């Protein structure tokens, strides 16, 4: 065998190795992207559950939610608490929208969070007004699809 033949075999072997490496890299990138989506979905639900647990553990919040089901007037402390809760929910929903826009949250997870927005404003009429008041501070809020129900006027409070 001459050196020229050995050189050709080496080039072919190198080309095959590059192709195998690229296929492996493609598989790894796809796996990494799927893992990122799974992590983002899990994180969105973990944050949602963490917020719910904090509310369950705080009797002041439970009382506030009781008032939000009625037309009762809130005192200053309750109004401040409602504003903080509203801001917390809105920040969470911003994160969900951002994750969905970056393709880190699939439509199933995103739609479930969108339903949460709708549920909140339908069930608690006072929180709907507070959401609108708070969103004045967030200049881009009308551009977020997850918040569309807050800006619609065609819902019926329960």
Protein backbone atom coordinates (compact mmCIF):
# COMPACT_ATOMS: atom_id res chain seq x y z
CA UNK A 1 0.00 0.00 0.00
CA UNK A 2 1.43 3.39 -0.90
CA UNK A 3 1.29 6.63 1.04
CA UNK A 4 -1.29 8.15 -1.28
CA UNK A 5 -3.77 5.34 -0.56
CA UNK A 6 -3.14 5.67 3.18
CA UNK A 7 -3.79 9.43 2.90
CA UNK A 8 -7.12 8.85 1.10
CA UNK A 9 -8.19 6.30 3.72
CA UNK A 10 -7.25 8.75 6.49
CA UNK A 11 -9.30 11.53 4.84
CA UNK A 12 -12.31 9.26 4.44
CA UNK A 13 -11.99 8.10 8.05
CA UNK A 14 -11.74 11.73 9.20
CA UNK A 15 -14.81 12.70 7.14
CA UNK A 16 -16.82 9.81 8.63
CA UNK A 17 -15.68 10.82 12.13
CA UNK A 18 -16.81 14.42 11.50
CA UNK A 19 -20.22 13.23 10.29
CA UNK A 20 -20.63 10.97 13.32
CA UNK A 21 -19.60 13.85 15.60
CA UNK A 22 -22.13 16.19 13.98
CA UNK A 23 -24.93 13.63 14.30
CA UNK A 24 -24.03 13.09 17.96
CA UNK A 25 -23.89 16.86 18.56
CA UNK A 26 -27.31 17.27 16.92
CA UNK A 27 -28.79 14.60 19.18
CA UNK A 28 -27.24 16.25 22.24
CA UNK A 29 -28.56 19.71 21.26
CA UNK A 30 -32.05 18.30 20.73
CA UNK A 31 -31.91 16.53 24.08
CA UNK A 32 -30.66 19.71 25.77
CA UNK A 33 -33.48 21.77 24.26
CA UNK A 34 -36.07 19.23 25.43
CA UNK A 35 -34.55 19.29 28.91
CA UNK A 36 -34.71 23.11 28.94
CA UNK A 37 -38.42 22.99 28.09
CA UNK A 38 -39.05 20.42 30.81
CA UNK A 39 -37.13 22.49 33.36
CA UNK A 40 -38.97 25.70 32.45
CA UNK A 41 -42.35 23.96 32.71
CA UNK A 42 -41.46 22.48 36.06
CA UNK A 43 -40.19 25.83 37.31
CA UNK A 44 -43.40 27.62 36.25
CA UNK A 45 -45.53 25.13 38.19
CA UNK A 46 -43.17 25.19 41.17
CA UNK A 47 -43.47 28.97 41.34
CA UNK A 48 -47.25 28.78 40.99
CA UNK A 49 -47.45 26.22 43.81
CA UNK A 50 -45.08 28.26 45.98
CA UNK A 51 -47.35 31.28 45.62
CA UNK A 52 -50.41 29.19 46.50
CA UNK A 53 -48.71 27.68 49.55
CA UNK A 54 -47.74 31.13 50.83
CA UNK A 55 -51.34 32.24 50.52
CA UNK A 56 -52.67 29.17 52.28
CA UNK A 57 -50.21 29.67 55.15
CA UNK A 58 -51.14 33.32 55.67
CA UNK A 59 -54.52 33.88 57.37
CA UNK A 60 -54.54 37.54 56.29
CA UNK A 61 -54.46 36.48 52.66
CA UNK A 62 -57.23 33.94 53.23
CA UNK A 63 -59.41 36.67 54.76
CA UNK A 64 -58.56 39.00 51.89
CA UNK A 65 -59.62 36.40 49.32
CA UNK A 66 -62.87 36.00 51.22
CA UNK A 67 -63.51 39.72 50.78
CA UNK A 68 -62.52 39.60 47.13
CA UNK A 69 -65.52 37.36 46.48
CA UNK A 70 -67.85 40.09 47.69
CA UNK A 71 -68.29 43.77 47.04
CA UNK A 72 -66.90 44.57 50.50
CA UNK A 73 -64.64 47.59 50.87
CA UNK A 74 -61.02 46.88 51.70
CA UNK A 75 -59.18 48.73 54.43
CA UNK A 76 -55.78 50.29 53.70
CA UNK A 77 -53.82 47.24 54.89
CA UNK A 78 -55.95 44.88 52.80
CA UNK A 79 -55.61 47.13 49.76
CA UNK A 80 -51.82 47.19 50.17
CA UNK A 81 -51.77 43.39 50.53
CA UNK A 82 -53.93 43.05 47.44
CA UNK A 83 -51.55 45.28 45.49
CA UNK A 84 -48.55 43.18 46.55
CA UNK A 85 -50.38 39.97 45.60
CA UNK A 86 -51.40 41.46 42.27
CA UNK A 87 -47.83 42.48 41.51
CA UNK A 88 -46.60 39.00 42.45
CA UNK A 89 -49.10 37.33 40.13
CA UNK A 90 -48.30 39.74 37.30
CA UNK A 91 -44.55 39.13 37.61
CA UNK A 92 -45.22 35.39 37.50
CA UNK A 93 -47.38 35.77 34.41
CA UNK A 94 -44.70 37.92 32.76
CA UNK A 95 -42.26 35.07 33.36
CA UNK A 96 -44.69 32.55 31.88
CA UNK A 97 -45.25 34.72 28.80
CA UNK A 98 -41.52 35.22 28.37
CA UNK A 99 -40.86 31.48 28.66
CA UNK A 100 -43.54 30.74 26.08
CA UNK A 101 -42.26 33.40 23.69
CA UNK A 102 -38.76 31.91 23.91
CA UNK A 103 -40.21 28.43 23.23
CA UNK A 104 -39.30 27.22 26.71
CA UNK A 105 -42.92 26.58 27.69
CA UNK A 106 -45.13 24.47 25.49
CA UNK A 107 -48.69 25.47 24.62
CA UNK A 108 -50.26 23.10 27.15
CA UNK A 109 -48.44 24.70 30.09
CA UNK A 110 -48.91 28.22 28.72
CA UNK A 111 -52.64 27.69 28.15
CA UNK A 112 -53.06 26.40 31.70
CA UNK A 113 -51.48 29.57 33.05
CA UNK A 114 -53.67 31.69 30.74
CA UNK A 115 -56.70 29.93 32.21
CA UNK A 116 -55.43 30.88 35.66
CA UNK A 117 -55.50 34.55 34.66
CA UNK A 118 -59.08 34.19 33.42
CA UNK A 119 -60.13 32.30 36.53
CA UNK A 120 -58.68 34.95 38.83
CA UNK A 121 -60.44 37.87 37.20
CA UNK A 122 -63.75 36.06 36.88
CA UNK A 123 -63.79 34.79 40.43
CA UNK A 124 -62.48 37.90 42.18
CA UNK A 125 -63.86 41.12 40.66
CA UNK A 126 -61.86 43.34 43.01
CA UNK A 127 -58.58 41.74 41.98
CA UNK A 128 -59.40 42.43 38.33
CA UNK A 129 -59.56 46.16 39.06
CA UNK A 130 -56.33 45.97 41.05
CA UNK A 131 -54.58 44.12 38.22
CA UNK A 132 -55.55 46.94 35.85
CA UNK A 133 -54.34 49.56 38.32
CA UNK A 134 -51.03 47.80 38.89
CA UNK A 135 -50.43 47.20 35.19
CA UNK A 136 -50.26 50.95 34.63
CA UNK A 137 -46.73 50.65 36.07
CA UNK A 138 -45.74 48.09 33.44
CA UNK A 139 -45.54 49.86 30.09
CA UNK A 140 -45.48 46.72 27.92
CA UNK A 141 -48.30 44.88 29.69
CA UNK A 142 -50.99 45.29 27.00
CA UNK A 143 -48.66 43.49 24.58
CA UNK A 144 -48.60 40.29 26.62
CA UNK A 145 -51.19 37.76 25.46
CA UNK A 146 -51.39 36.10 28.85
CA UNK A 147 -52.78 39.36 30.27
CA UNK A 148 -55.39 39.90 27.55
CA UNK A 149 -58.31 38.85 29.79
CA UNK A 150 -57.44 41.66 32.20
CA UNK A 151 -57.97 44.22 29.45
CA UNK A 152 -61.15 42.66 28.08
CA UNK A 153 -64.50 43.87 29.30
CA UNK A 154 -66.60 40.91 28.20
CA UNK A 155 -66.20 38.65 31.21
CA UNK A 156 -68.90 37.92 33.73
CA UNK A 157 -67.76 37.91 37.38
CA UNK A 158 -69.04 34.86 39.25
